[in-house]
């Protein structure tokens, strides 16, 4: 008999705890989540993959890829290059020989009436 009473008390406690948390959430929805509304600026960006990089774009390394697009700044060029692979000597006799290589990213712009591309 004692087990039945304890079981019914524990069930009533579980259901009453669950009901109070739901009712609190309904009463105060602002504490549930703080949602922020962000403005979205849509940009129509048509990238064009270019094969020949303009000669006035001063870059270092071997070209990986290059893209261009036109916006309010004029003609834009985004160019990625890789430097040469250089061996790095180990600091002690037990270390492995490693290599180092740089990845460069350039952004040039050319105003509509300008003949020179400017590094941004």
PDB file of N, CA and C in Angstrom:
ATOM      1  N   UNK A   1       0.805  -1.184   0.000  1.00  0.00           N
ATOM      2  CA  UNK A   1       0.000   0.000   0.000  1.00  0.00           C
ATOM      3  C   UNK A   1       0.856   1.260   0.000  1.00  0.00           C
ATOM      4  N   UNK A   2       1.945   1.210   0.802  1.00  0.00           N
ATOM      5  CA  UNK A   2       2.843   2.357   0.862  1.00  0.00           C
ATOM      6  C   UNK A   2       3.466   2.624  -0.513  1.00  0.00           C
ATOM      7  N   UNK A   3       3.782   1.544  -1.233  1.00  0.00           N
ATOM      8  CA  UNK A   3       4.389   1.698  -2.564  1.00  0.00           C
ATOM      9  C   UNK A   3       3.432   2.368  -3.528  1.00  0.00           C
ATOM     10  N   UNK A   4       2.167   2.039  -3.465  1.00  0.00           N
ATOM     11  CA  UNK A   4       1.168   2.632  -4.327  1.00  0.00           C
ATOM     12  C   UNK A   4       0.998   4.127  -4.047  1.00  0.00           C
ATOM     13  N   UNK A   5       1.037   4.508  -2.772  1.00  0.00           N
ATOM     14  CA  UNK A   5       0.910   5.915  -2.392  1.00  0.00           C
ATOM     15  C   UNK A   5       2.137   6.697  -2.861  1.00  0.00           C
ATOM     16  N   UNK A   6       3.316   6.138  -2.653  1.00  0.00           N
ATOM     17  CA  UNK A   6       4.549   6.807  -3.099  1.00  0.00           C
ATOM     18  C   UNK A   6       4.581   6.949  -4.616  1.00  0.00           C
ATOM     19  N   UNK A   7       4.133   5.904  -5.309  1.00  0.00           N
ATOM     20  CA  UNK A   7       4.103   5.952  -6.773  1.00  0.00           C
ATOM     21  C   UNK A   7       3.148   7.037  -7.265  1.00  0.00           C
ATOM     22  N   UNK A   8       1.972   7.142  -6.674  1.00  0.00           N
ATOM     23  CA  UNK A   8       1.005   8.162  -7.104  1.00  0.00           C
ATOM     24  C   UNK A   8       1.489   9.576  -6.771  1.00  0.00           C
ATOM     25  N   UNK A   9       2.175   9.734  -5.637  1.00  0.00           N
ATOM     26  CA  UNK A   9       2.725  11.051  -5.286  1.00  0.00           C
ATOM     27  C   UNK A   9       3.808  11.458  -6.282  1.00  0.00           C
ATOM     28  N   UNK A  10       4.697  10.540  -6.628  1.00  0.00           N
ATOM     29  CA  UNK A  10       5.772  10.857  -7.576  1.00  0.00           C
ATOM     30  C   UNK A  10       5.213  11.190  -8.957  1.00  0.00           C
ATOM     31  N   UNK A  11       4.157  10.486  -9.395  1.00  0.00           N
ATOM     32  CA  UNK A  11       3.531  10.804 -10.677  1.00  0.00           C
ATOM     33  C   UNK A  11       2.910  12.192 -10.657  1.00  0.00           C
ATOM     34  N   UNK A  12       2.242  12.528  -9.573  1.00  0.00           N
ATOM     35  CA  UNK A  12       1.611  13.848  -9.498  1.00  0.00           C
ATOM     36  C   UNK A  12       2.655  14.960  -9.461  1.00  0.00           C
ATOM     37  N   UNK A  13       3.786  14.713  -8.829  1.00  0.00           N
ATOM     38  CA  UNK A  13       4.869  15.717  -8.811  1.00  0.00           C
ATOM     39  C   UNK A  13       5.446  15.901 -10.215  1.00  0.00           C
ATOM     40  N   UNK A  14       5.657  14.799 -10.932  1.00  0.00           N
ATOM     41  CA  UNK A  14       6.215  14.903 -12.292  1.00  0.00           C
ATOM     42  C   UNK A  14       5.285  15.685 -13.209  1.00  0.00           C
ATOM     43  N   UNK A  15       4.004  15.399 -13.165  1.00  0.00           N
ATOM     44  CA  UNK A  15       3.064  16.090 -14.036  1.00  0.00           C
ATOM     45  C   UNK A  15       2.904  17.551 -13.641  1.00  0.00           C
ATOM     46  N   UNK A  16       2.924  17.831 -12.349  1.00  0.00           N
ATOM     47  CA  UNK A  16       2.766  19.223 -11.922  1.00  0.00           C
ATOM     48  C   UNK A  16       3.994  20.050 -12.276  1.00  0.00           C
ATOM     49  N   UNK A  17       5.192  19.474 -12.218  1.00  0.00           N
ATOM     50  CA  UNK A  17       6.413  20.203 -12.604  1.00  0.00           C
ATOM     51  C   UNK A  17       6.404  20.503 -14.096  1.00  0.00           C
ATOM     52  N   UNK A  18       5.975  19.547 -14.882  1.00  0.00           N
ATOM     53  CA  UNK A  18       5.927  19.757 -16.327  1.00  0.00           C
ATOM     54  C   UNK A  18       4.930  20.820 -16.712  1.00  0.00           C
ATOM     55  N   UNK A  19       3.793  20.870 -16.039  1.00  0.00           N
ATOM     56  CA  UNK A  19       2.773  21.867 -16.352  1.00  0.00           C
ATOM     57  C   UNK A  19       3.236  23.269 -16.009  1.00  0.00           C
ATOM     58  N   UNK A  20       3.953  23.432 -14.921  1.00  0.00           N
ATOM     59  CA  UNK A  20       4.371  24.772 -14.517  1.00  0.00           C
ATOM     60  C   UNK A  20       5.410  25.339 -15.466  1.00  0.00           C
ATOM     61  N   UNK A  21       6.286  24.501 -15.992  1.00  0.00           N
ATOM     62  CA  UNK A  21       7.285  25.017 -16.925  1.00  0.00           C
ATOM     63  C   UNK A  21       6.647  25.429 -18.241  1.00  0.00           C
ATOM     64  N   UNK A  22       5.608  24.691 -18.679  1.00  0.00           N
ATOM     65  CA  UNK A  22       4.932  25.067 -19.908  1.00  0.00           C
ATOM     66  C   UNK A  22       4.150  26.355 -19.731  1.00  0.00           C
ATOM     67  N   UNK A  23       3.490  26.501 -18.571  1.00  0.00           N
ATOM     68  CA  UNK A  23       2.693  27.705 -18.354  1.00  0.00           C
ATOM     69  C   UNK A  23       3.586  28.935 -18.234  1.00  0.00           C
ATOM     70  N   UNK A  24       4.768  28.794 -17.650  1.00  0.00           N
ATOM     71  CA  UNK A  24       5.697  29.918 -17.570  1.00  0.00           C
ATOM     72  C   UNK A  24       6.182  30.333 -18.949  1.00  0.00           C
ATOM     73  N   UNK A  25       6.393  29.373 -19.804  1.00  0.00           N
ATOM     74  CA  UNK A  25       6.849  29.689 -21.156  1.00  0.00           C
ATOM     75  C   UNK A  25       5.761  30.419 -21.926  1.00  0.00           C
ATOM     76  N   UNK A  26       4.491  30.047 -21.699  1.00  0.00           N
ATOM     77  CA  UNK A  26       3.393  30.708 -22.387  1.00  0.00           C
ATOM     78  C   UNK A  26       3.185  32.128 -21.868  1.00  0.00           C
ATOM     79  N   UNK A  27       3.397  32.327 -20.571  1.00  0.00           N
ATOM     80  CA  UNK A  27       3.174  33.636 -19.974  1.00  0.00           C
ATOM     81  C   UNK A  27       4.239  34.643 -20.382  1.00  0.00           C
ATOM     82  N   UNK A  28       5.478  34.198 -20.530  1.00  0.00           N
ATOM     83  CA  UNK A  28       6.579  35.120 -20.804  1.00  0.00           C
ATOM     84  C   UNK A  28       7.393  34.635 -22.009  1.00  0.00           C
ATOM     85  N   UNK A  29       6.900  34.846 -23.222  1.00  0.00           N
ATOM     86  CA  UNK A  29       7.594  34.322 -24.396  1.00  0.00           C
ATOM     87  C   UNK A  29       8.909  35.036 -24.698  1.00  0.00           C
ATOM     88  N   UNK A  30       9.115  36.238 -24.185  1.00  0.00           N
ATOM     89  CA  UNK A  30      10.338  36.973 -24.510  1.00  0.00           C
ATOM     90  C   UNK A  30      11.560  36.356 -23.870  1.00  0.00           C
ATOM     91  N   UNK A  31      11.406  35.615 -22.778  1.00  0.00           N
ATOM     92  CA  UNK A  31      12.550  34.981 -22.140  1.00  0.00           C
ATOM     93  C   UNK A  31      12.930  33.674 -22.820  1.00  0.00           C
ATOM     94  N   UNK A  32      12.043  33.150 -23.664  1.00  0.00           N
ATOM     95  CA  UNK A  32      12.320  31.884 -24.325  1.00  0.00           C
ATOM     96  C   UNK A  32      13.477  32.030 -25.306  1.00  0.00           C
ATOM     97  N   UNK A  33      13.427  33.024 -26.175  1.00  0.00           N
ATOM     98  CA  UNK A  33      14.482  33.262 -27.165  1.00  0.00           C
ATOM     99  C   UNK A  33      14.551  34.742 -27.448  1.00  0.00           C
ATOM    100  N   UNK A  34      15.747  35.247 -27.504  1.00  0.00           N
ATOM    101  CA  UNK A  34      15.928  36.630 -27.922  1.00  0.00           C
ATOM    102  C   UNK A  34      16.257  36.618 -29.403  1.00  0.00           C
ATOM    103  N   UNK A  35      15.276  36.889 -30.217  1.00  0.00           N
ATOM    104  CA  UNK A  35      15.469  36.870 -31.654  1.00  0.00           C
ATOM    105  C   UNK A  35      15.805  38.269 -32.136  1.00  0.00           C
ATOM    106  N   UNK A  36      16.802  38.352 -32.991  1.00  0.00           N
ATOM    107  CA  UNK A  36      17.154  39.631 -33.589  1.00  0.00           C
ATOM    108  C   UNK A  36      16.831  39.585 -35.066  1.00  0.00           C
ATOM    109  N   UNK A  37      16.351  40.677 -35.557  1.00  0.00           N
ATOM    110  CA  UNK A  37      16.018  40.780 -36.969  1.00  0.00           C
ATOM    111  C   UNK A  37      17.148  41.557 -37.639  1.00  0.00           C
ATOM    112  N   UNK A  38      17.780  40.924 -38.613  1.00  0.00           N
ATOM    113  CA  UNK A  38      18.883  41.552 -39.326  1.00  0.00           C
ATOM    114  C   UNK A  38      18.430  41.952 -40.724  1.00  0.00           C
ATOM    115  N   UNK A  39      18.917  43.099 -41.155  1.00  0.00           N
ATOM    116  CA  UNK A  39      18.640  43.525 -42.516  1.00  0.00           C
ATOM    117  C   UNK A  39      19.559  42.773 -43.456  1.00  0.00           C
ATOM    118  N   UNK A  40      19.014  42.318 -44.546  1.00  0.00           N
ATOM    119  CA  UNK A  40      19.799  41.593 -45.530  1.00  0.00           C
ATOM    120  C   UNK A  40      19.973  42.479 -46.747  1.00  0.00           C
ATOM    121  N   UNK A  41      21.222  42.685 -47.135  1.00  0.00           N
ATOM    122  CA  UNK A  41      21.533  43.476 -48.312  1.00  0.00           C
ATOM    123  C   UNK A  41      21.901  42.504 -49.425  1.00  0.00           C
ATOM    124  N   UNK A  42      21.072  42.463 -50.446  1.00  0.00           N
ATOM    125  CA  UNK A  42      21.331  41.563 -51.558  1.00  0.00           C
ATOM    126  C   UNK A  42      22.237  42.245 -52.562  1.00  0.00           C
ATOM    127  N   UNK A  43      23.271  41.534 -52.967  1.00  0.00           N
ATOM    128  CA  UNK A  43      24.240  42.062 -53.927  1.00  0.00           C
ATOM    129  C   UNK A  43      24.240  41.136 -55.132  1.00  0.00           C
ATOM    130  N   UNK A  44      24.075  41.709 -56.288  1.00  0.00           N
ATOM    131  CA  UNK A  44      24.144  40.937 -57.516  1.00  0.00           C
ATOM    132  C   UNK A  44      25.608  40.905 -57.943  1.00  0.00           C
ATOM    133  N   UNK A  45      26.270  39.790 -57.675  1.00  0.00           N
ATOM    134  CA  UNK A  45      27.696  39.677 -57.935  1.00  0.00           C
ATOM    135  C   UNK A  45      27.927  38.568 -58.950  1.00  0.00           C
ATOM    136  N   UNK A  46      28.274  38.948 -60.142  1.00  0.00           N
ATOM    137  CA  UNK A  46      28.572  37.985 -61.193  1.00  0.00           C
ATOM    138  C   UNK A  46      30.074  37.892 -61.352  1.00  0.00           C
ATOM    139  N   UNK A  47      30.663  36.805 -60.862  1.00  0.00           N
ATOM    140  CA  UNK A  47      32.103  36.601 -60.982  1.00  0.00           C
ATOM    141  C   UNK A  47      32.428  36.051 -62.354  1.00  0.00           C
ATOM    142  N   UNK A  48      33.466  36.583 -62.937  1.00  0.00           N
ATOM    143  CA  UNK A  48      33.950  36.089 -64.226  1.00  0.00           C
ATOM    144  C   UNK A  48      35.358  35.564 -64.017  1.00  0.00           C
ATOM    145  N   UNK A  49      35.561  34.291 -64.287  1.00  0.00           N
ATOM    146  CA  UNK A  49      36.900  33.723 -64.164  1.00  0.00           C
ATOM    147  C   UNK A  49      37.737  34.240 -65.323  1.00  0.00           C
ATOM    148  N   UNK A  50      38.898  34.792 -65.000  1.00  0.00           N
ATOM    149  CA  UNK A  50      39.748  35.359 -66.052  1.00  0.00           C
ATOM    150  C   UNK A  50      41.006  34.515 -66.204  1.00  0.00           C
ATOM    151  N   UNK A  51      41.470  34.438 -67.417  1.00  0.00           N
ATOM    152  CA  UNK A  51      42.660  33.663 -67.724  1.00  0.00           C
ATOM    153  C   UNK A  51      43.883  34.573 -67.773  1.00  0.00           C
ATOM    154  N   UNK A  52      43.716  35.746 -68.347  1.00  0.00           N
ATOM    155  CA  UNK A  52      44.832  36.677 -68.496  1.00  0.00           C
ATOM    156  C   UNK A  52      44.690  37.800 -67.473  1.00  0.00           C
ATOM    157  N   UNK A  53      45.696  37.937 -66.630  1.00  0.00           N
ATOM    158  CA  UNK A  53      45.703  38.965 -65.595  1.00  0.00           C
ATOM    159  C   UNK A  53      46.239  40.254 -66.202  1.00  0.00           C
ATOM    160  N   UNK A  54      45.591  41.388 -65.926  1.00  0.00           N
ATOM    161  CA  UNK A  54      46.081  42.661 -66.460  1.00  0.00           C
ATOM    162  C   UNK A  54      47.539  42.909 -66.050  1.00  0.00           C
ATOM    163  N   UNK A  55      48.306  43.468 -66.950  1.00  0.00           N
ATOM    164  CA  UNK A  55      49.745  43.637 -66.717  1.00  0.00           C
ATOM    165  C   UNK A  55      50.060  44.624 -65.598  1.00  0.00           C
ATOM    166  N   UNK A  56      49.152  45.539 -65.288  1.00  0.00           N
ATOM    167  CA  UNK A  56      49.434  46.516 -64.238  1.00  0.00           C
ATOM    168  C   UNK A  56      49.100  45.983 -62.837  1.00  0.00           C
ATOM    169  N   UNK A  57      48.658  44.744 -62.732  1.00  0.00           N
ATOM    170  CA  UNK A  57      48.443  44.112 -61.425  1.00  0.00           C
ATOM    171  C   UNK A  57      49.758  43.460 -60.999  1.00  0.00           C
ATOM    172  N   UNK A  58      50.419  44.063 -60.031  1.00  0.00           N
ATOM    173  CA  UNK A  58      51.723  43.581 -59.560  1.00  0.00           C
ATOM    174  C   UNK A  58      51.504  42.462 -58.547  1.00  0.00           C
ATOM    175  N   UNK A  59      51.782  41.218 -58.965  1.00  0.00           N
ATOM    176  CA  UNK A  59      51.547  40.062 -58.103  1.00  0.00           C
ATOM    177  C   UNK A  59      52.824  39.261 -57.949  1.00  0.00           C
ATOM    178  N   UNK A  60      52.847  38.423 -56.921  1.00  0.00           N
ATOM    179  CA  UNK A  60      53.990  37.565 -56.649  1.00  0.00           C
ATOM    180  C   UNK A  60      53.520  36.120 -56.615  1.00  0.00           C
ATOM    181  N   UNK A  61      54.285  35.210 -57.177  1.00  0.00           N
ATOM    182  CA  UNK A  61      53.954  33.786 -57.139  1.00  0.00           C
ATOM    183  C   UNK A  61      53.278  33.313 -58.413  1.00  0.00           C
ATOM    184  N   UNK A  62      52.897  32.034 -58.391  1.00  0.00           N
ATOM    185  CA  UNK A  62      52.222  31.383 -59.506  1.00  0.00           C
ATOM    186  C   UNK A  62      50.718  31.516 -59.324  1.00  0.00           C
ATOM    187  N   UNK A  63      50.026  31.920 -60.368  1.00  0.00           N
ATOM    188  CA  UNK A  63      48.585  32.152 -60.281  1.00  0.00           C
ATOM    189  C   UNK A  63      47.830  30.848 -60.051  1.00  0.00           C
ATOM    190  N   UNK A  64      46.935  30.858 -59.051  1.00  0.00           N
ATOM    191  CA  UNK A  64      46.053  29.728 -58.779  1.00  0.00           C
ATOM    192  C   UNK A  64      44.755  29.937 -59.543  1.00  0.00           C
ATOM    193  N   UNK A  65      44.115  31.091 -59.324  1.00  0.00           N
ATOM    194  CA  UNK A  65      42.921  31.465 -60.060  1.00  0.00           C
ATOM    195  C   UNK A  65      42.716  32.962 -59.930  1.00  0.00           C
ATOM    196  N   UNK A  66      41.877  33.503 -60.815  1.00  0.00           N
ATOM    197  CA  UNK A  66      41.618  34.941 -60.817  1.00  0.00           C
ATOM    198  C   UNK A  66      40.182  35.172 -61.273  1.00  0.00           C
ATOM    199  N   UNK A  67      39.550  36.174 -60.657  1.00  0.00           N
ATOM    200  CA  UNK A  67      38.164  36.510 -60.974  1.00  0.00           C
ATOM    201  C   UNK A  67      38.041  38.019 -61.106  1.00  0.00           C
ATOM    202  N   UNK A  68      37.033  38.438 -61.858  1.00  0.00           N
ATOM    203  CA  UNK A  68      36.747  39.867 -61.974  1.00  0.00           C
ATOM    204  C   UNK A  68      35.250  40.083 -61.850  1.00  0.00           C
ATOM    205  N   UNK A  69      34.871  41.288 -61.429  1.00  0.00           N
ATOM    206  CA  UNK A  69      33.476  41.695 -61.362  1.00  0.00           C
ATOM    207  C   UNK A  69      33.421  43.211 -61.417  1.00  0.00           C
ATOM    208  N   UNK A  70      32.257  43.723 -61.717  1.00  0.00           N
ATOM    209  CA  UNK A  70      32.049  45.170 -61.827  1.00  0.00           C
ATOM    210  C   UNK A  70      31.057  45.594 -60.755  1.00  0.00           C
ATOM    211  N   UNK A  71      31.393  46.658 -60.028  1.00  0.00           N
ATOM    212  CA  UNK A  71      30.476  47.223 -59.043  1.00  0.00           C
ATOM    213  C   UNK A  71      30.660  48.739 -59.027  1.00  0.00           C
ATOM    214  N   UNK A  72      30.233  49.407 -57.961  1.00  0.00           N
ATOM    215  CA  UNK A  72      30.343  50.864 -57.878  1.00  0.00           C
ATOM    216  C   UNK A  72      31.789  51.355 -57.866  1.00  0.00           C
ATOM    217  N   UNK A  73      32.728  50.507 -57.478  1.00  0.00           N
ATOM    218  CA  UNK A  73      34.143  50.882 -57.459  1.00  0.00           C
ATOM    219  C   UNK A  73      34.781  50.794 -58.844  1.00  0.00           C
ATOM    220  N   UNK A  74      34.106  50.203 -59.780  1.00  0.00           N
ATOM    221  CA  UNK A  74      34.657  49.999 -61.117  1.00  0.00           C
ATOM    222  C   UNK A  74      34.878  48.522 -61.362  1.00  0.00           C
ATOM    223  N   UNK A  75      35.948  48.177 -62.061  1.00  0.00           N
ATOM    224  CA  UNK A  75      36.284  46.780 -62.341  1.00  0.00           C
ATOM    225  C   UNK A  75      37.162  46.272 -61.205  1.00  0.00           C
ATOM    226  N   UNK A  76      36.798  45.146 -60.634  1.00  0.00           N
ATOM    227  CA  UNK A  76      37.547  44.539 -59.535  1.00  0.00           C
ATOM    228  C   UNK A  76      38.208  43.262 -60.010  1.00  0.00           C
ATOM    229  N   UNK A  77      39.412  43.013 -59.516  1.00  0.00           N
ATOM    230  CA  UNK A  77      40.135  41.780 -59.809  1.00  0.00           C
ATOM    231  C   UNK A  77      40.513  41.126 -58.488  1.00  0.00           C
ATOM    232  N   UNK A  78      40.176  39.838 -58.330  1.00  0.00           N
ATOM    233  CA  UNK A  78      40.592  39.063 -57.174  1.00  0.00           C
ATOM    234  C   UNK A  78      41.501  37.962 -57.690  1.00  0.00           C
ATOM    235  N   UNK A  79      42.738  37.951 -57.220  1.00  0.00           N
ATOM    236  CA  UNK A  79      43.742  37.030 -57.747  1.00  0.00           C
ATOM    237  C   UNK A  79      44.373  36.270 -56.586  1.00  0.00           C
ATOM    238  N   UNK A  80      44.419  34.939 -56.707  1.00  0.00           N
ATOM    239  CA  UNK A  80      45.114  34.111 -55.709  1.00  0.00           C
ATOM    240  C   UNK A  80      46.349  33.505 -56.350  1.00  0.00           C
ATOM    241  N   UNK A  81      47.468  33.584 -55.643  1.00  0.00           N
ATOM    242  CA  UNK A  81      48.717  33.014 -56.132  1.00  0.00           C
ATOM    243  C   UNK A  81      49.375  32.218 -55.011  1.00  0.00           C
ATOM    244  N   UNK A  82      50.303  31.341 -55.404  1.00  0.00           N
ATOM    245  CA  UNK A  82      51.082  30.566 -54.439  1.00  0.00           C
ATOM    246  C   UNK A  82      52.552  30.837 -54.664  1.00  0.00           C
ATOM    247  N   UNK A  83      53.274  31.038 -53.551  1.00  0.00           N
ATOM    248  CA  UNK A  83      54.719  31.213 -53.622  1.00  0.00           C
ATOM    249  C   UNK A  83      55.395  29.878 -53.849  1.00  0.00           C
ATOM    250  N   UNK A  84      56.695  29.934 -54.013  1.00  0.00           N
ATOM    251  CA  UNK A  84      57.415  28.682 -54.247  1.00  0.00           C
ATOM    252  C   UNK A  84      57.590  27.906 -52.941  1.00  0.00           C
ATOM    253  N   UNK A  85      57.697  26.595 -53.059  1.00  0.00           N
ATOM    254  CA  UNK A  85      57.861  25.710 -51.921  1.00  0.00           C
ATOM    255  C   UNK A  85      59.300  25.791 -51.428  1.00  0.00           C
ATOM    256  N   UNK A  86      59.483  26.086 -50.144  1.00  0.00           N
ATOM    257  CA  UNK A  86      60.833  26.227 -49.573  1.00  0.00           C
ATOM    258  C   UNK A  86      61.007  25.223 -48.447  1.00  0.00           C
ATOM    259  N   UNK A  87      62.128  24.483 -48.481  1.00  0.00           N
ATOM    260  CA  UNK A  87      62.433  23.524 -47.421  1.00  0.00           C
ATOM    261  C   UNK A  87      62.886  24.281 -46.179  1.00  0.00           C
ATOM    262  N   UNK A  88      62.416  23.813 -45.028  1.00  0.00           N
ATOM    263  CA  UNK A  88      62.799  24.410 -43.752  1.00  0.00           C
ATOM    264  C   UNK A  88      63.667  23.397 -43.024  1.00  0.00           C
ATOM    265  N   UNK A  89      64.865  23.814 -42.689  1.00  0.00           N
ATOM    266  CA  UNK A  89      65.803  22.925 -42.008  1.00  0.00           C
ATOM    267  C   UNK A  89      65.321  22.650 -40.583  1.00  0.00           C
ATOM    268  N   UNK A  90      65.480  21.421 -40.123  1.00  0.00           N
ATOM    269  CA  UNK A  90      65.053  21.097 -38.761  1.00  0.00           C
ATOM    270  C   UNK A  90      65.914  21.811 -37.719  1.00  0.00           C
ATOM    271  N   UNK A  91      65.306  22.080 -36.553  1.00  0.00           N
ATOM    272  CA  UNK A  91      66.021  22.776 -35.489  1.00  0.00           C
ATOM    273  C   UNK A  91      67.007  21.852 -34.772  1.00  0.00           C
ATOM    274  N   UNK A  92      66.706  20.566 -34.732  1.00  0.00           N
ATOM    275  CA  UNK A  92      67.650  19.609 -34.138  1.00  0.00           C
ATOM    276  C   UNK A  92      67.728  18.375 -35.025  1.00  0.00           C
ATOM    277  N   UNK A  93      68.609  17.478 -34.699  1.00  0.00           N
ATOM    278  CA  UNK A  93      68.854  16.317 -35.565  1.00  0.00           C
ATOM    279  C   UNK A  93      67.715  15.307 -35.569  1.00  0.00           C
ATOM    280  N   UNK A  94      66.786  15.377 -34.596  1.00  0.00           N
ATOM    281  CA  UNK A  94      65.690  14.420 -34.517  1.00  0.00           C
ATOM    282  C   UNK A  94      64.399  14.915 -35.175  1.00  0.00           C
ATOM    283  N   UNK A  95      64.374  16.152 -35.561  1.00  0.00           N
ATOM    284  CA  UNK A  95      63.164  16.720 -36.166  1.00  0.00           C
ATOM    285  C   UNK A  95      63.107  16.393 -37.653  1.00  0.00           C
ATOM    286  N   UNK A  96      61.910  16.366 -38.193  1.00  0.00           N
ATOM    287  CA  UNK A  96      61.715  16.111 -39.616  1.00  0.00           C
ATOM    288  C   UNK A  96      61.928  17.390 -40.417  1.00  0.00           C
ATOM    289  N   UNK A  97      62.330  17.215 -41.663  1.00  0.00           N
ATOM    290  CA  UNK A  97      62.444  18.347 -42.573  1.00  0.00           C
ATOM    291  C   UNK A  97      61.026  18.723 -43.007  1.00  0.00           C
ATOM    292  N   UNK A  98      60.702  19.995 -42.946  1.00  0.00           N
ATOM    293  CA  UNK A  98      59.381  20.463 -43.342  1.00  0.00           C
ATOM    294  C   UNK A  98      59.520  21.452 -44.489  1.00  0.00           C
ATOM    295  N   UNK A  99      58.392  21.877 -45.007  1.00  0.00           N
ATOM    296  CA  UNK A  99      58.393  22.843 -46.101  1.00  0.00           C
ATOM    297  C   UNK A  99      57.450  23.984 -45.758  1.00  0.00           C
ATOM    298  N   UNK A 100      57.689  25.124 -46.407  1.00  0.00           N
ATOM    299  CA  UNK A 100      56.882  26.312 -46.186  1.00  0.00           C
ATOM    300  C   UNK A 100      56.470  26.872 -47.546  1.00  0.00           C
ATOM    301  N   UNK A 101      55.240  27.374 -47.610  1.00  0.00           N
ATOM    302  CA  UNK A 101      54.741  27.945 -48.855  1.00  0.00           C
ATOM    303  C   UNK A 101      53.694  28.997 -48.521  1.00  0.00           C
ATOM    304  N   UNK A 102      53.727  30.107 -49.216  1.00  0.00           N
ATOM    305  CA  UNK A 102      52.773  31.191 -48.976  1.00  0.00           C
ATOM    306  C   UNK A 102      51.641  31.157 -49.995  1.00  0.00           C
ATOM    307  N   UNK A 103      50.451  31.514 -49.542  1.00  0.00           N
ATOM    308  CA  UNK A 103      49.298  31.713 -50.405  1.00  0.00           C
ATOM    309  C   UNK A 103      48.969  33.195 -50.343  1.00  0.00           C
ATOM    310  N   UNK A 104      48.967  33.859 -51.490  1.00  0.00           N
ATOM    311  CA  UNK A 104      48.693  35.295 -51.555  1.00  0.00           C
ATOM    312  C   UNK A 104      47.303  35.520 -52.139  1.00  0.00           C
ATOM    313  N   UNK A 105      46.628  36.559 -51.643  1.00  0.00           N
ATOM    314  CA  UNK A 105      45.330  36.964 -52.188  1.00  0.00           C
ATOM    315  C   UNK A 105      45.397  38.463 -52.455  1.00  0.00           C
ATOM    316  N   UNK A 106      45.099  38.861 -53.682  1.00  0.00           N
ATOM    317  CA  UNK A 106      45.153  40.268 -54.093  1.00  0.00           C
ATOM    318  C   UNK A 106      43.777  40.729 -54.539  1.00  0.00           C
ATOM    319  N   UNK A 107      43.454  41.968 -54.217  1.00  0.00           N
ATOM    320  CA  UNK A 107      42.220  42.584 -54.694  1.00  0.00           C
ATOM    321  C   UNK A 107      42.602  43.928 -55.311  1.00  0.00           C
ATOM    322  N   UNK A 108      42.472  44.021 -56.613  1.00  0.00           N
ATOM    323  CA  UNK A 108      42.759  45.252 -57.343  1.00  0.00           C
ATOM    324  C   UNK A 108      41.449  45.847 -57.834  1.00  0.00           C
ATOM    325  N   UNK A 109      41.398  47.173 -57.912  1.00  0.00           N
ATOM    326  CA  UNK A 109      40.253  47.839 -58.529  1.00  0.00           C
ATOM    327  C   UNK A 109      40.749  48.789 -59.603  1.00  0.00           C
ATOM    328  N   UNK A 110      39.935  48.962 -60.597  1.00  0.00           N
ATOM    329  CA  UNK A 110      40.231  49.919 -61.660  1.00  0.00           C
ATOM    330  C   UNK A 110      38.979  50.760 -61.839  1.00  0.00           C
ATOM    331  N   UNK A 111      39.106  52.053 -61.562  1.00  0.00           N
ATOM    332  CA  UNK A 111      37.969  52.934 -61.771  1.00  0.00           C
ATOM    333  C   UNK A 111      37.641  52.973 -63.253  1.00  0.00           C
ATOM    334  N   UNK A 112      36.427  53.315 -63.559  1.00  0.00           N
ATOM    335  CA  UNK A 112      35.957  53.255 -64.946  1.00  0.00           C
ATOM    336  C   UNK A 112      36.819  54.055 -65.915  1.00  0.00           C
ATOM    337  N   UNK A 113      37.365  55.182 -65.502  1.00  0.00           N
ATOM    338  CA  UNK A 113      38.154  56.018 -66.403  1.00  0.00           C
ATOM    339  C   UNK A 113      39.654  55.877 -66.195  1.00  0.00           C
ATOM    340  N   UNK A 114      40.095  55.026 -65.269  1.00  0.00           N
ATOM    341  CA  UNK A 114      41.507  54.904 -64.936  1.00  0.00           C
ATOM    342  C   UNK A 114      42.174  53.815 -65.782  1.00  0.00           C
ATOM    343  N   UNK A 115      43.456  54.033 -66.049  1.00  0.00           N
ATOM    344  CA  UNK A 115      44.209  53.030 -66.800  1.00  0.00           C
ATOM    345  C   UNK A 115      44.959  52.090 -65.864  1.00  0.00           C
ATOM    346  N   UNK A 116      45.116  52.478 -64.590  1.00  0.00           N
ATOM    347  CA  UNK A 116      45.889  51.674 -63.640  1.00  0.00           C
ATOM    348  C   UNK A 116      44.967  50.958 -62.649  1.00  0.00           C
ATOM    349  N   UNK A 117      45.343  49.726 -62.337  1.00  0.00           N
ATOM    350  CA  UNK A 117      44.655  48.963 -61.287  1.00  0.00           C
ATOM    351  C   UNK A 117      45.327  49.274 -59.964  1.00  0.00           C
ATOM    352  N   UNK A 118      44.541  49.495 -58.920  1.00  0.00           N
ATOM    353  CA  UNK A 118      45.061  49.865 -57.610  1.00  0.00           C
ATOM    354  C   UNK A 118      44.807  48.737 -56.645  1.00  0.00           C
ATOM    355  N   UNK A 119      45.838  48.378 -55.871  1.00  0.00           N
ATOM    356  CA  UNK A 119      45.708  47.342 -54.863  1.00  0.00           C
ATOM    357  C   UNK A 119      44.891  47.871 -53.704  1.00  0.00           C
ATOM    358  N   UNK A 120      43.861  47.125 -53.313  1.00  0.00           N
ATOM    359  CA  UNK A 120      42.991  47.560 -52.217  1.00  0.00           C
ATOM    360  C   UNK A 120      43.477  46.958 -50.918  1.00  0.00           C
TER     361      UNK A 120
END
